[in-house]
Amino acid sequence: MPTVMTMTVKRNLALILTVLLMTGATSVYAQPKDTARVHRLPDVVVDGQQRRIDNSAPVRVIGSADYLRLGVTDVADALNRLAGVTLRDYGGAGGMKTVSVRGYGALHTGVSYDGVMLSEIQSGEIDVSRYSIDNVQSLSLTIGDGDDIFVTARQATTPAVLAIQSLTRLPADLKPHLTAQMRLGSWGYANPFVRYTQRMGRSVALSAVGDYVYADNDYPFRLRNGNVTTIERRSNSRMCSGHAEVSGLWTPNDRSSLWAKIYYYDNDRQLPGIVQYYTNVCGQQLHDRNWFAQTRWLYQASQRLSLRLTAKANWASSAYRDTLLPDRRDDATYQQHEYYGSASMLYAPCRDVEINYAADYCYNNLSSSLATDRRPYRHTLWQTAAVKFQRQRFTALARVLWTLCLNGAHRGDAQSDMRRWSPSLSLSYRLMEDEELYLRASMKDIFRVPTFNECYFHHYGSPDVRPENTRQYNIGLTWRHAWSPKLVAQVAADAYLNRISDKIVAVPYNMFIWRTINMAKARGMGVDGEARVEWTPSAGHRIDLSASYTYQRVANRTDASSPHYGKQVPYQPLNQGSASVGWENPWISLSLHGQAASGRWATPNHYEGTHIGGYADVGLTAYRNMMVGKTRLQLRADVENILGHQYEIVAHYPMPRTHWRMSVKMELS
């Protein structure tokens, strides 16, 4: 349990932020008027029609308008449509879902929520299933350093950053706006959702969001044992989760804004475990809770200078239980705390140059109920300096990041301290003045510190686990062409090379415990491609075609004489892709969509019996929007995996076969 002092600090922080919200320092539903030239942030329009394509690094965006047209059902499903992304999914509504980019692994993918980085110091993996797609305005994946250099130092510490932006539409009037939705689905799935927003004068906006998810998840699957095939059902799979957040923004004038958010998440779920022959009994359970409060202050001191301060306090708890083990010997509760602060400055000495400096500090600790707990803690300091030059058709961005990590443990040995300089460079050039055709190239060197699980977890972690050092190179093209206002196409393609030393490979033992090993050297190379065509043949009709493809070869390059040399790393398919076609019309709009991936291996050594077959998953979405009086009503139905294909993404965790969801959404204003 948290100490009395920690609980007091948490209560005081919650009280301060609550008062702040009640007095007007709230919501992300507006931004201050942009009067300073220095605050020229890249304008990504996420209405599903226009996207910024001249970035010097690959940027993939899915906006809220895309969810229906592409048949997206949740955040994980949306990420599956992006080139270069590999999703690890344990199946069902309650299965953990993590994302990796270009074979680096989920620990190399940073995730920010409304501009502040999320953290999981214990395992390092962010479960994206925690975040409701109904409250997400856009998902933006940046590989390397994006053109927006006005960021925190922490945001520059990963090869790729997934930015989750919650709904930010500010009502034009002062009336309360309420959105309510009920979604039902197969195997006991129920998901009510409610959102309240209100603008209170010119400078203040408030929002409150809550949702609840329940699912039995007892879906059927085929179990093959030699020549015998039986139909079994997943057991011990029930989940029950809820989430609530209050957020807002106060803009007292055109030069400053103060934003804050309070967030709480609670998920009490059963863990079905791996599929085994002759038995389907499992008693594992996991209760996750997470609370955080975060705030940002932005001040434009002059036409040339902007300042941003960010602060966050985070607490998370995981209670693991196994009711079938004698004496409940594996039961354990883990608690982690984080206190984080950042200061960032953006300065423009002349029209073509912008300079950024940011310094971040973070304190993390982890405690558990285990007798073997070492109670580790970590102080981390990041500093970064970046320069951006932009003139006519050419853009160049250079950054250097310094990381200092001081490790300690209240009991036993601690991991050694670490420090590292990490440079990066990005270039972009418009090849023709009369055509939106851009060539880009980038390089980024990065340094990943092992997680607490990798260093200290009983029987699995070791303080001797070495940090990963990675370097990525990218070259790509983006092109957009409009034959007419009714017909627009956009294409992006990138080739990349990643070099990794001391790569840490995680192999799942069950949903909560992972084995970690160092693979001295690994090399990743591949190609990403995305294409989209939007055609409006007549009034009331619109057709969207989209596709993505990824080839990723991520192989062990440690010892050329080893029989395992050159083998693909675990859970990384060579080929994967997605495609969708959507037709909006005045009657019932339709979207046909699908994802596919080639086979993968569950172990780094490719042992016999550890190969996981490829799969294809096809879905169909039907929806209609209508007005009933002053209420906007949306009806939607989804059928997933309509081909009934049984497949696995994680070994021995079968995914659901054909299943459905239906929803009714009302917007009152």
Foldseek 3Di string as FASTA:
>chain_A
DDDPVVVVVVVVVVVVVVVCQVVFAWDLQDDFDPPFLLPDFDDADALVPDGDDQKQFDKDKHFPNVCQQAVNDFPLSVQLFFWQKFWAWLFDLPTFIFIDGQPQDRLQEWEAEQQHTDADQFASTDRRSQDGSVFFGMKMKTAADTPGPQHALVVNFHRMYIYTYTDRHADPDFDKKKKWKWKDKPQGWIKIKIKIKGDDPDFGIKMKIKMKIWGQQQFWDWDDDPPDIDIGTQHQWIKIKMKMKITIKGDPHNFKIKIKMKIKMWMKGGFQKFDDPPDRDWQKIKIKIKIKMKMKMWGHPDSFKIKMKIWMKMKMKMWIFTPPDPPRVVTKMKMKIKTKIKIKMWGDPDSFKIKMKMKMWMKMWMDMPDPQTQTKIKIKIKIKIKMWGDDDFKIKIKMKMKIWMPIDTNHDDIAHTDIDIKIKMKMKGQPDPVFRKMKIKMKTKHKADDRCCQPRPPPAHHSPQHIKIKMKIKIKMKGKDDPDPFKIKIKIKMKMKMKMAQRWAWFDPGSPDTHIDTQGIKMKIKMKMKMKMWGDPDPFKIKIKIKIKIAMQIARCRDPPDPLGRAGAFLDFRIKMKIKMWMGGQPKTKMKIKIWTAKGFRHSRRDPPRIFGIDMKIKMKIKHWDDDDQKIKIKIKMWIQVVQDWGRSHHSSIYHHIMMMIMMMIMHD
